[in-house]
Amino acid sequence: MAVVEAYAELARRVLAGPARLGRTRLVAVDGPSGAGKSRFAAQLADALAGPLRGRPPVVHTDDLLDGWDDQVTFWPRLEEEVLAPLRDGEPGAYRRYSWVRQCFLPRPVPVPVAPVLVVEGVSAARAVVRPELTLAVFVTAPASLRLARAVARDGPEILPELRRWHDGERAHFAVDETATHADLVVDGAPTLPYDADRYYVRLR
């Protein structure tokens, strides 16, 4: 059953939850490509900004990938540069990958110690990090719509890589059972009438 819920209420739920990554509440927004993860993560971060008196940092796993072939193998980079320092109460930093230049940019992106960190992207809620998550979200949408969204965003020339990417994420989610273990499954293509800036549609 689909239910419309408020981002503001979810923000309160996150802040009421335990900090399991040092002093930080780690929120993972996972799901397949084109499902609507980035939008969900941005809206949740905006809802958290009020009570936190500042927007929490949001890390996109796409910024940590060393190209298309690094779909799930990027994790040590996230662990060493971001999660491990925060676990110890220290700020992290990572270098953002440029998909245009096909290399990591030299300037580090700081990740401060904050009450909440949102990590968004495919495999963000993988099994290895579940014990440290305050909230695991899985965003889903029909495969045909997800493909159309990605092509509209990045152009038809990415189709060969994108189809291979979709095969990889399906294999990962099947083994990892990500959706089964998520605290919240979100409909990334709802048909219900609702205000998408303030609400989301929960599937379970």
N, C-alpha and C. Protein backbone atom coordinates (compact mmCIF):
# COMPACT_ATOMS: atom_id res chain seq x y z
N MET A 1 0.84 -1.20 0.00
CA MET A 1 0.00 0.00 0.00
C MET A 1 0.87 1.25 0.00
N ALA A 2 0.56 2.20 -0.85
CA ALA A 2 1.31 3.44 -0.93
C ALA A 2 0.73 4.47 0.03
N VAL A 3 1.62 5.18 0.73
CA VAL A 3 1.21 6.17 1.72
C VAL A 3 2.03 7.44 1.50
N VAL A 4 1.36 8.59 1.49
CA VAL A 4 2.05 9.87 1.36
C VAL A 4 2.55 10.32 2.73
N GLU A 5 3.83 10.61 2.83
CA GLU A 5 4.43 11.03 4.10
C GLU A 5 5.25 12.29 3.89
N ALA A 6 5.46 13.03 4.97
CA ALA A 6 6.15 14.32 4.89
C ALA A 6 7.65 14.15 5.12
N TYR A 7 8.45 14.86 4.33
CA TYR A 7 9.89 14.89 4.57
C TYR A 7 10.20 15.46 5.96
N ALA A 8 9.41 16.43 6.41
CA ALA A 8 9.67 17.03 7.72
C ALA A 8 9.54 16.00 8.83
N GLU A 9 8.57 15.12 8.71
CA GLU A 9 8.40 14.07 9.72
C GLU A 9 9.55 13.07 9.65
N LEU A 10 10.00 12.75 8.45
CA LEU A 10 11.13 11.83 8.31
C LEU A 10 12.39 12.46 8.88
N ALA A 11 12.56 13.76 8.69
CA ALA A 11 13.71 14.45 9.27
C ALA A 11 13.69 14.35 10.79
N ARG A 12 12.52 14.51 11.39
CA ARG A 12 12.41 14.36 12.85
C ARG A 12 12.76 12.94 13.28
N ARG A 13 12.33 11.98 12.48
CA ARG A 13 12.64 10.57 12.79
C ARG A 13 14.14 10.34 12.76
N VAL A 14 14.82 10.90 11.77
CA VAL A 14 16.27 10.74 11.67
C VAL A 14 16.96 11.35 12.89
N LEU A 15 16.57 12.54 13.24
CA LEU A 15 17.22 13.24 14.36
C LEU A 15 16.92 12.59 15.70
N ALA A 16 15.81 11.88 15.78
CA ALA A 16 15.49 11.15 17.01
C ALA A 16 16.21 9.81 17.09
N GLY A 17 16.78 9.39 15.98
CA GLY A 17 17.47 8.11 15.95
C GLY A 17 18.88 8.19 16.50
N PRO A 18 19.49 7.04 16.73
CA PRO A 18 20.84 7.02 17.31
C PRO A 18 21.91 7.35 16.27
N ALA A 19 22.97 8.00 16.74
CA ALA A 19 24.16 8.22 15.91
C ALA A 19 25.03 6.98 16.01
N ARG A 20 25.24 6.30 14.91
CA ARG A 20 25.99 5.04 14.92
C ARG A 20 27.33 5.14 14.21
N LEU A 21 27.59 6.26 13.54
CA LEU A 21 28.88 6.49 12.90
C LEU A 21 29.57 7.60 13.69
N GLY A 22 30.24 7.25 14.77
CA GLY A 22 30.76 8.26 15.67
C GLY A 22 29.60 9.09 16.22
N ARG A 23 29.68 10.42 16.02
CA ARG A 23 28.61 11.32 16.48
C ARG A 23 27.61 11.62 15.37
N THR A 24 27.73 10.91 14.25
CA THR A 24 26.94 11.22 13.06
C THR A 24 25.86 10.18 12.81
N ARG A 25 24.68 10.68 12.44
CA ARG A 25 23.59 9.80 11.99
C ARG A 25 23.75 9.63 10.48
N LEU A 26 24.02 8.43 10.07
CA LEU A 26 24.27 8.14 8.66
C LEU A 26 22.98 7.68 7.99
N VAL A 27 22.58 8.40 6.95
CA VAL A 27 21.40 8.05 6.16
C VAL A 27 21.87 7.62 4.77
N ALA A 28 21.46 6.43 4.34
CA ALA A 28 21.82 5.93 3.01
C ALA A 28 20.57 5.93 2.14
N VAL A 29 20.68 6.55 0.97
CA VAL A 29 19.59 6.57 -0.01
C VAL A 29 20.05 5.75 -1.20
N ASP A 30 19.52 4.54 -1.30
CA ASP A 30 19.96 3.55 -2.28
C ASP A 30 18.84 3.32 -3.30
N GLY A 31 19.15 2.52 -4.31
CA GLY A 31 18.17 2.18 -5.34
C GLY A 31 18.81 2.21 -6.70
N PRO A 32 18.12 1.71 -7.72
CA PRO A 32 18.69 1.64 -9.06
C PRO A 32 18.78 3.00 -9.73
N SER A 33 19.57 3.04 -10.78
CA SER A 33 19.78 4.27 -11.55
C SER A 33 18.46 4.81 -12.09
N GLY A 34 18.27 6.12 -11.94
CA GLY A 34 17.08 6.77 -12.49
C GLY A 34 15.83 6.64 -11.66
N ALA A 35 15.94 6.06 -10.46
CA ALA A 35 14.74 5.85 -9.63
C ALA A 35 14.27 7.13 -8.94
N GLY A 36 15.18 8.08 -8.73
CA GLY A 36 14.83 9.30 -8.02
C GLY A 36 15.57 9.47 -6.71
N LYS A 37 16.71 8.80 -6.56
CA LYS A 37 17.48 8.87 -5.32
C LYS A 37 17.99 10.27 -5.03
N SER A 38 18.55 10.92 -6.06
CA SER A 38 19.14 12.24 -5.85
C SER A 38 18.10 13.25 -5.39
N ARG A 39 16.93 13.20 -5.99
CA ARG A 39 15.86 14.12 -5.59
C ARG A 39 15.42 13.84 -4.16
N PHE A 40 15.26 12.57 -3.83
CA PHE A 40 14.85 12.22 -2.47
C PHE A 40 15.89 12.70 -1.47
N ALA A 41 17.17 12.45 -1.75
CA ALA A 41 18.23 12.86 -0.83
C ALA A 41 18.25 14.37 -0.66
N ALA A 42 18.06 15.11 -1.75
CA ALA A 42 18.06 16.57 -1.68
C ALA A 42 16.88 17.09 -0.86
N GLN A 43 15.70 16.51 -1.06
CA GLN A 43 14.53 16.95 -0.31
C GLN A 43 14.66 16.63 1.18
N LEU A 44 15.21 15.48 1.50
CA LEU A 44 15.42 15.14 2.90
C LEU A 44 16.45 16.07 3.53
N ALA A 45 17.52 16.36 2.81
CA ALA A 45 18.53 17.28 3.33
C ALA A 45 17.94 18.67 3.57
N ASP A 46 17.07 19.12 2.68
CA ASP A 46 16.40 20.40 2.86
C ASP A 46 15.51 20.38 4.11
N ALA A 47 14.82 19.26 4.32
CA ALA A 47 13.95 19.15 5.50
C ALA A 47 14.76 19.12 6.79
N LEU A 48 15.96 18.57 6.73
CA LEU A 48 16.83 18.53 7.91
C LEU A 48 17.48 19.88 8.20
N ALA A 49 17.57 20.73 7.19
CA ALA A 49 18.28 22.00 7.33
C ALA A 49 17.67 22.88 8.41
N GLY A 50 16.35 22.88 8.51
CA GLY A 50 15.69 23.73 9.51
C GLY A 50 16.08 23.35 10.92
N PRO A 51 15.76 22.12 11.36
CA PRO A 51 16.12 21.73 12.73
C PRO A 51 17.62 21.73 13.00
N LEU A 52 18.43 21.49 11.98
CA LEU A 52 19.89 21.48 12.18
C LEU A 52 20.51 22.86 12.07
N ARG A 53 19.71 23.85 11.61
CA ARG A 53 20.20 25.20 11.36
C ARG A 53 21.34 25.19 10.34
N GLY A 54 21.16 24.37 9.35
CA GLY A 54 22.13 24.25 8.27
C GLY A 54 21.94 22.93 7.58
N ARG A 55 22.15 22.91 6.27
CA ARG A 55 21.93 21.70 5.49
C ARG A 55 23.02 20.67 5.77
N PRO A 56 22.65 19.43 6.00
CA PRO A 56 23.67 18.41 6.25
C PRO A 56 24.45 18.09 4.97
N PRO A 57 25.66 17.60 5.09
CA PRO A 57 26.40 17.21 3.89
C PRO A 57 25.74 16.03 3.19
N VAL A 58 25.79 16.06 1.87
CA VAL A 58 25.28 14.98 1.04
C VAL A 58 26.41 14.51 0.14
N VAL A 59 26.74 13.22 0.22
CA VAL A 59 27.78 12.63 -0.63
C VAL A 59 27.10 11.74 -1.66
N HIS A 60 27.40 11.98 -2.93
CA HIS A 60 26.86 11.16 -4.02
C HIS A 60 27.91 10.14 -4.43
N THR A 61 27.55 8.87 -4.39
CA THR A 61 28.55 7.86 -4.71
C THR A 61 29.06 7.98 -6.15
N ASP A 62 28.25 8.53 -7.06
CA ASP A 62 28.72 8.73 -8.44
C ASP A 62 29.97 9.60 -8.50
N ASP A 63 30.15 10.46 -7.49
CA ASP A 63 31.33 11.34 -7.45
C ASP A 63 32.59 10.60 -7.02
N LEU A 64 32.41 9.37 -6.52
CA LEU A 64 33.54 8.60 -6.02
C LEU A 64 33.95 7.47 -6.96
N LEU A 65 33.16 7.26 -8.02
CA LEU A 65 33.45 6.17 -8.94
C LEU A 65 34.59 6.53 -9.88
N ASP A 66 35.46 5.58 -10.09
CA ASP A 66 36.53 5.76 -11.08
C ASP A 66 36.03 5.24 -12.43
N GLY A 67 34.96 5.86 -12.95
CA GLY A 67 34.37 5.47 -14.22
C GLY A 67 33.32 4.39 -14.09
N TRP A 68 32.81 3.96 -15.24
CA TRP A 68 31.69 3.01 -15.29
C TRP A 68 32.01 1.67 -14.64
N ASP A 69 33.26 1.24 -14.70
CA ASP A 69 33.61 -0.09 -14.21
C ASP A 69 33.79 -0.15 -12.70
N ASP A 70 33.60 0.97 -12.02
CA ASP A 70 33.81 1.03 -10.57
C ASP A 70 32.47 1.08 -9.82
N GLN A 71 31.47 0.41 -10.38
CA GLN A 71 30.09 0.54 -9.91
C GLN A 71 29.92 0.25 -8.42
N VAL A 72 30.46 -0.85 -7.94
CA VAL A 72 30.34 -1.17 -6.52
C VAL A 72 31.70 -1.29 -5.84
N THR A 73 32.77 -1.29 -6.62
CA THR A 73 34.11 -1.48 -6.06
C THR A 73 34.73 -0.19 -5.53
N PHE A 74 34.00 0.91 -5.63
CA PHE A 74 34.48 2.20 -5.12
C PHE A 74 34.50 2.26 -3.60
N TRP A 75 33.85 1.32 -2.92
CA TRP A 75 33.55 1.47 -1.49
C TRP A 75 34.77 1.76 -0.62
N PRO A 76 35.92 1.11 -0.82
CA PRO A 76 37.07 1.44 0.03
C PRO A 76 37.42 2.93 0.01
N ARG A 77 37.18 3.60 -1.12
CA ARG A 77 37.44 5.03 -1.21
C ARG A 77 36.52 5.80 -0.26
N LEU A 78 35.24 5.44 -0.26
CA LEU A 78 34.29 6.09 0.65
C LEU A 78 34.63 5.78 2.10
N GLU A 79 34.96 4.54 2.36
CA GLU A 79 35.28 4.12 3.73
C GLU A 79 36.51 4.86 4.27
N GLU A 80 37.59 4.89 3.49
CA GLU A 80 38.85 5.45 3.98
C GLU A 80 38.82 6.98 4.05
N GLU A 81 38.15 7.61 3.09
CA GLU A 81 38.22 9.06 3.00
C GLU A 81 37.10 9.79 3.74
N VAL A 82 35.97 9.10 3.95
CA VAL A 82 34.81 9.76 4.56
C VAL A 82 34.35 9.06 5.83
N LEU A 83 33.99 7.78 5.74
CA LEU A 83 33.37 7.11 6.87
C LEU A 83 34.34 6.90 8.04
N ALA A 84 35.56 6.45 7.75
CA ALA A 84 36.53 6.19 8.83
C ALA A 84 36.85 7.46 9.64
N PRO A 85 37.15 8.59 8.98
CA PRO A 85 37.39 9.80 9.78
C PRO A 85 36.18 10.20 10.62
N LEU A 86 34.98 10.16 10.06
CA LEU A 86 33.79 10.54 10.82
C LEU A 86 33.57 9.60 11.99
N ARG A 87 33.87 8.34 11.79
CA ARG A 87 33.74 7.35 12.87
C ARG A 87 34.62 7.75 14.06
N ASP A 88 35.76 8.36 13.75
CA ASP A 88 36.70 8.79 14.80
C ASP A 88 36.48 10.23 15.24
N GLY A 89 35.38 10.85 14.76
CA GLY A 89 35.09 12.22 15.14
C GLY A 89 35.91 13.26 14.41
N GLU A 90 36.49 12.87 13.27
CA GLU A 90 37.31 13.79 12.48
C GLU A 90 36.63 14.06 11.13
N PRO A 91 36.84 15.24 10.54
CA PRO A 91 36.26 15.51 9.22
C PRO A 91 36.90 14.66 8.14
N GLY A 92 36.12 14.35 7.12
CA GLY A 92 36.64 13.60 5.98
C GLY A 92 36.76 14.51 4.77
N ALA A 93 37.23 13.97 3.68
CA ALA A 93 37.33 14.70 2.41
C ALA A 93 37.55 13.68 1.31
N TYR A 94 37.02 13.98 0.13
CA TYR A 94 37.22 13.10 -1.01
C TYR A 94 37.41 13.95 -2.26
N ARG A 95 38.00 13.33 -3.26
CA ARG A 95 38.14 14.01 -4.55
C ARG A 95 37.02 13.55 -5.48
N ARG A 96 36.38 14.49 -6.13
CA ARG A 96 35.24 14.21 -7.00
C ARG A 96 35.71 13.77 -8.39
N TYR A 97 35.10 12.71 -8.89
CA TYR A 97 35.43 12.23 -10.23
C TYR A 97 34.72 13.08 -11.28
N SER A 98 35.47 13.48 -12.30
CA SER A 98 34.89 14.22 -13.42
C SER A 98 34.58 13.23 -14.54
N TRP A 99 33.30 13.07 -14.85
CA TRP A 99 32.90 12.15 -15.91
C TRP A 99 33.23 12.73 -17.29
N VAL A 100 33.47 14.02 -17.36
CA VAL A 100 33.87 14.65 -18.61
C VAL A 100 35.36 14.43 -18.86
N ARG A 101 36.17 14.72 -17.83
CA ARG A 101 37.62 14.57 -17.97
C ARG A 101 38.09 13.14 -17.74
N GLN A 102 37.22 12.33 -17.14
CA GLN A 102 37.52 10.93 -16.82
C GLN A 102 38.73 10.81 -15.89
N CYS A 103 38.69 11.64 -14.84
CA CYS A 103 39.73 11.57 -13.82
C CYS A 103 39.20 12.24 -12.55
N PHE A 104 39.89 12.01 -11.45
CA PHE A 104 39.53 12.67 -10.19
C PHE A 104 40.10 14.08 -10.18
N LEU A 105 39.30 15.03 -9.76
CA LEU A 105 39.73 16.41 -9.70
C LEU A 105 40.65 16.62 -8.50
N PRO A 106 41.61 17.53 -8.59
CA PRO A 106 42.61 17.66 -7.51
C PRO A 106 42.06 18.26 -6.23
N ARG A 107 41.07 19.12 -6.31
CA ARG A 107 40.59 19.81 -5.11
C ARG A 107 39.70 18.90 -4.27
N PRO A 108 40.05 18.67 -2.99
CA PRO A 108 39.22 17.80 -2.15
C PRO A 108 37.90 18.45 -1.78
N VAL A 109 36.88 17.62 -1.65
CA VAL A 109 35.56 18.07 -1.18
C VAL A 109 35.47 17.74 0.31
N PRO A 110 35.37 18.74 1.18
CA PRO A 110 35.33 18.46 2.61
C PRO A 110 34.01 17.85 3.05
N VAL A 111 34.08 16.96 4.02
CA VAL A 111 32.89 16.38 4.65
C VAL A 111 33.02 16.62 6.15
N PRO A 112 32.36 17.63 6.67
CA PRO A 112 32.54 17.97 8.09
C PRO A 112 31.87 16.95 9.01
N VAL A 113 32.32 16.94 10.24
CA VAL A 113 31.62 16.18 11.27
C VAL A 113 30.29 16.88 11.52
N ALA A 114 29.19 16.20 11.31
CA ALA A 114 27.87 16.82 11.39
C ALA A 114 26.91 15.84 12.06
N PRO A 115 25.80 16.35 12.58
CA PRO A 115 24.82 15.44 13.19
C PRO A 115 24.26 14.41 12.22
N VAL A 116 24.20 14.76 10.92
CA VAL A 116 23.66 13.86 9.90
C VAL A 116 24.56 13.92 8.66
N LEU A 117 24.79 12.77 8.06
CA LEU A 117 25.41 12.68 6.73
C LEU A 117 24.50 11.85 5.85
N VAL A 118 24.16 12.36 4.67
CA VAL A 118 23.37 11.62 3.70
C VAL A 118 24.31 11.11 2.61
N VAL A 119 24.31 9.80 2.38
CA VAL A 119 25.07 9.20 1.29
C VAL A 119 24.06 8.64 0.30
N GLU A 120 24.16 9.10 -0.96
CA GLU A 120 23.18 8.74 -1.98
C GLU A 120 23.85 8.05 -3.13
N GLY A 121 23.27 6.93 -3.58
CA GLY A 121 23.79 6.27 -4.76
C GLY A 121 23.62 4.76 -4.70
N VAL A 122 23.86 4.12 -5.83
CA VAL A 122 23.74 2.67 -5.91
C VAL A 122 24.72 2.02 -4.94
N SER A 123 24.21 1.18 -4.09
CA SER A 123 24.93 0.40 -3.06
C SER A 123 25.25 1.20 -1.81
N ALA A 124 24.68 2.40 -1.66
CA ALA A 124 24.94 3.21 -0.46
C ALA A 124 24.50 2.53 0.82
N ALA A 125 23.47 1.65 0.74
CA ALA A 125 22.96 0.97 1.93
C ALA A 125 23.39 -0.49 1.97
N ARG A 126 24.53 -0.79 1.37
CA ARG A 126 25.01 -2.18 1.29
C ARG A 126 25.20 -2.79 2.68
N ALA A 127 25.26 -4.11 2.71
CA ALA A 127 25.27 -4.85 3.97
C ALA A 127 26.38 -4.42 4.92
N VAL A 128 27.56 -4.12 4.40
CA VAL A 128 28.70 -3.83 5.26
C VAL A 128 28.48 -2.60 6.13
N VAL A 129 27.64 -1.66 5.70
CA VAL A 129 27.45 -0.43 6.45
C VAL A 129 26.15 -0.42 7.26
N ARG A 130 25.33 -1.44 7.12
CA ARG A 130 24.02 -1.44 7.79
C ARG A 130 24.10 -1.23 9.30
N PRO A 131 25.08 -1.83 9.99
CA PRO A 131 25.12 -1.62 11.45
C PRO A 131 25.33 -0.16 11.85
N GLU A 132 25.83 0.68 10.93
CA GLU A 132 26.11 2.07 11.27
C GLU A 132 25.05 3.04 10.72
N LEU A 133 24.03 2.51 10.07
CA LEU A 133 23.00 3.36 9.49
C LEU A 133 21.93 3.72 10.51
N THR A 134 21.57 4.98 10.53
CA THR A 134 20.40 5.42 11.28
C THR A 134 19.14 5.19 10.45
N LEU A 135 19.26 5.34 9.13
CA LEU A 135 18.13 5.12 8.23
C LEU A 135 18.64 4.62 6.89
N ALA A 136 18.02 3.54 6.39
CA ALA A 136 18.32 3.01 5.06
C ALA A 136 17.07 3.17 4.20
N VAL A 137 17.22 3.90 3.09
CA VAL A 137 16.11 4.16 2.17
C VAL A 137 16.41 3.49 0.83
N PHE A 138 15.39 2.86 0.25
CA PHE A 138 15.52 2.27 -1.08
C PHE A 138 14.45 2.90 -1.97
N VAL A 139 14.89 3.59 -3.02
CA VAL A 139 13.98 4.27 -3.95
C VAL A 139 13.85 3.40 -5.20
N THR A 140 12.62 3.17 -5.65
CA THR A 140 12.40 2.29 -6.79
C THR A 140 11.49 2.94 -7.82
N ALA A 141 11.55 2.46 -9.05
CA ALA A 141 10.69 2.94 -10.13
C ALA A 141 10.76 1.91 -11.26
N PRO A 142 9.78 1.90 -12.18
CA PRO A 142 9.80 0.93 -13.28
C PRO A 142 11.05 1.08 -14.14
N ALA A 143 11.56 -0.05 -14.62
CA ALA A 143 12.81 -0.06 -15.38
C ALA A 143 12.74 0.80 -16.63
N SER A 144 11.62 0.76 -17.35
CA SER A 144 11.50 1.54 -18.59
C SER A 144 11.57 3.04 -18.31
N LEU A 145 10.95 3.47 -17.22
CA LEU A 145 10.98 4.89 -16.86
C LEU A 145 12.38 5.29 -16.42
N ARG A 146 13.03 4.44 -15.66
CA ARG A 146 14.38 4.75 -15.19
C ARG A 146 15.34 4.90 -16.37
N LEU A 147 15.20 4.02 -17.35
CA LEU A 147 16.04 4.10 -18.54
C LEU A 147 15.78 5.40 -19.30
N ALA A 148 14.51 5.75 -19.46
CA ALA A 148 14.15 6.98 -20.17
C ALA A 148 14.69 8.21 -19.45
N ARG A 149 14.61 8.22 -18.13
CA ARG A 149 15.12 9.35 -17.35
C ARG A 149 16.62 9.51 -17.55
N ALA A 150 17.35 8.40 -17.50
CA ALA A 150 18.81 8.46 -17.63
C ALA A 150 19.22 8.93 -19.02
N VAL A 151 18.53 8.46 -20.04
CA VAL A 151 18.85 8.87 -21.41
C VAL A 151 18.53 10.35 -21.60
N ALA A 152 17.40 10.79 -21.04
CA ALA A 152 17.03 12.21 -21.15
C ALA A 152 18.05 13.10 -20.46
N ARG A 153 18.63 12.59 -19.37
CA ARG A 153 19.59 13.37 -18.59
C ARG A 153 20.97 13.39 -19.23
N ASP A 154 21.42 12.23 -19.71
CA ASP A 154 22.81 12.09 -20.15
C ASP A 154 23.00 11.84 -21.63
N GLY A 155 21.90 11.61 -22.38
CA GLY A 155 22.01 11.42 -23.82
C GLY A 155 22.02 9.96 -24.23
N PRO A 156 21.57 9.64 -25.44
CA PRO A 156 21.47 8.25 -25.89
C PRO A 156 22.82 7.56 -26.08
N GLU A 157 23.90 8.34 -26.15
CA GLU A 157 25.22 7.73 -26.37
C GLU A 157 25.67 6.88 -25.17
N ILE A 158 25.03 7.06 -24.02
CA ILE A 158 25.42 6.27 -22.85
C ILE A 158 24.71 4.93 -22.78
N LEU A 159 23.80 4.65 -23.72
CA LEU A 159 22.98 3.44 -23.63
C LEU A 159 23.78 2.14 -23.46
N PRO A 160 24.85 1.90 -24.22
CA PRO A 160 25.59 0.64 -24.01
C PRO A 160 26.12 0.50 -22.58
N GLU A 161 26.73 1.57 -22.06
CA GLU A 161 27.24 1.52 -20.69
C GLU A 161 26.10 1.42 -19.68
N LEU A 162 25.01 2.13 -19.98
CA LEU A 162 23.88 2.14 -19.05
C LEU A 162 23.24 0.77 -18.92
N ARG A 163 23.10 0.06 -20.03
CA ARG A 163 22.51 -1.28 -19.96
C ARG A 163 23.41 -2.22 -19.16
N ARG A 164 24.70 -2.08 -19.33
CA ARG A 164 25.64 -2.89 -18.54
C ARG A 164 25.56 -2.51 -17.06
N TRP A 165 25.39 -1.21 -16.80
CA TRP A 165 25.23 -0.72 -15.43
C TRP A 165 23.98 -1.32 -14.79
N HIS A 166 22.87 -1.33 -15.53
CA HIS A 166 21.62 -1.88 -15.00
C HIS A 166 21.77 -3.36 -14.67
N ASP A 167 22.49 -4.09 -15.51
CA ASP A 167 22.75 -5.51 -15.22
C ASP A 167 23.53 -5.65 -13.92
N GLY A 168 24.53 -4.78 -13.74
CA GLY A 168 25.36 -4.83 -12.54
C GLY A 168 24.59 -4.50 -11.28
N GLU A 169 23.74 -3.49 -11.34
CA GLU A 169 23.00 -3.12 -10.13
C GLU A 169 21.96 -4.18 -9.78
N ARG A 170 21.34 -4.79 -10.78
CA ARG A 170 20.39 -5.87 -10.50
C ARG A 170 21.09 -7.02 -9.79
N ALA A 171 22.27 -7.37 -10.27
CA ALA A 171 23.03 -8.45 -9.63
C ALA A 171 23.41 -8.09 -8.20
N HIS A 172 23.84 -6.85 -7.99
CA HIS A 172 24.21 -6.42 -6.64
C HIS A 172 23.02 -6.45 -5.70
N PHE A 173 21.88 -5.89 -6.12
CA PHE A 173 20.72 -5.84 -5.23
C PHE A 173 20.20 -7.24 -4.90
N ALA A 174 20.30 -8.17 -5.85
CA ALA A 174 19.83 -9.53 -5.61
C ALA A 174 20.67 -10.21 -4.53
N VAL A 175 21.98 -10.03 -4.60
CA VAL A 175 22.86 -10.66 -3.61
C VAL A 175 22.79 -9.93 -2.27
N ASP A 176 22.78 -8.62 -2.31
CA ASP A 176 22.80 -7.80 -1.10
C ASP A 176 21.45 -7.76 -0.38
N GLU A 177 20.36 -8.02 -1.10
CA GLU A 177 18.99 -7.94 -0.55
C GLU A 177 18.73 -6.57 0.05
N THR A 178 19.16 -5.55 -0.66
CA THR A 178 19.10 -4.18 -0.16
C THR A 178 17.68 -3.74 0.17
N ALA A 179 16.75 -3.95 -0.75
CA ALA A 179 15.38 -3.50 -0.53
C ALA A 179 14.74 -4.20 0.66
N THR A 180 15.05 -5.48 0.83
CA THR A 180 14.49 -6.25 1.94
C THR A 180 14.91 -5.68 3.28
N HIS A 181 16.15 -5.21 3.35
CA HIS A 181 16.69 -4.71 4.63
C HIS A 181 16.48 -3.21 4.83
N ALA A 182 15.93 -2.52 3.84
CA ALA A 182 15.73 -1.08 3.97
C ALA A 182 14.68 -0.76 5.02
N ASP A 183 14.88 0.35 5.72
CA ASP A 183 13.88 0.83 6.69
C ASP A 183 12.68 1.45 5.98
N LEU A 184 12.93 1.93 4.77
CA LEU A 184 11.91 2.68 4.05
C LEU A 184 12.08 2.42 2.55
N VAL A 185 11.00 1.98 1.90
CA VAL A 185 11.01 1.82 0.44
C VAL A 185 10.11 2.90 -0.15
N VAL A 186 10.67 3.67 -1.08
CA VAL A 186 10.00 4.86 -1.61
C VAL A 186 9.67 4.66 -3.09
N ASP A 187 8.48 5.08 -3.48
CA ASP A 187 8.05 5.04 -4.86
C ASP A 187 8.62 6.25 -5.59
N GLY A 188 9.54 6.01 -6.52
CA GLY A 188 10.15 7.09 -7.27
C GLY A 188 9.35 7.53 -8.48
N ALA A 189 8.21 6.90 -8.70
CA ALA A 189 7.35 7.26 -9.84
C ALA A 189 5.89 7.14 -9.41
N PRO A 190 5.48 7.86 -8.38
CA PRO A 190 4.13 7.68 -7.84
C PRO A 190 3.06 8.26 -8.76
N THR A 191 1.88 7.67 -8.71
CA THR A 191 0.73 8.18 -9.47
C THR A 191 -0.22 8.94 -8.56
N LEU A 192 0.00 8.87 -7.26
CA LEU A 192 -0.85 9.61 -6.32
C LEU A 192 -0.62 11.11 -6.46
N PRO A 193 -1.65 11.93 -6.30
CA PRO A 193 -1.45 13.38 -6.29
C PRO A 193 -0.82 13.82 -4.96
N TYR A 194 0.28 14.57 -5.05
CA TYR A 194 0.95 15.02 -3.82
C TYR A 194 1.92 16.13 -4.18
N ASP A 195 2.37 16.88 -3.15
CA ASP A 195 3.34 17.95 -3.31
C ASP A 195 4.73 17.35 -3.18
N ALA A 196 5.44 17.18 -4.30
CA ALA A 196 6.73 16.49 -4.29
C ALA A 196 7.82 17.25 -3.57
N ASP A 197 7.63 18.54 -3.30
CA ASP A 197 8.62 19.30 -2.57
C ASP A 197 8.54 19.06 -1.06
N ARG A 198 7.39 18.61 -0.59
CA ARG A 198 7.18 18.42 0.85
C ARG A 198 6.93 16.99 1.26
N TYR A 199 6.53 16.17 0.30
CA TYR A 199 6.12 14.80 0.62
C TYR A 199 6.78 13.79 -0.31
N TYR A 200 6.77 12.55 0.11
CA TYR A 200 7.19 11.42 -0.70
C TYR A 200 6.15 10.32 -0.54
N VAL A 201 6.24 9.31 -1.38
CA VAL A 201 5.28 8.20 -1.31
C VAL A 201 6.00 6.95 -0.85
N ARG A 202 5.57 6.46 0.31
CA ARG A 202 6.18 5.26 0.90
C ARG A 202 5.44 4.02 0.42
N LEU A 203 6.21 3.01 0.03
CA LEU A 203 5.61 1.73 -0.35
C LEU A 203 5.58 0.76 0.84
N ARG A 204 6.61 0.81 1.65
CA ARG A 204 6.59 0.06 2.92
C ARG A 204 7.69 0.62 3.81
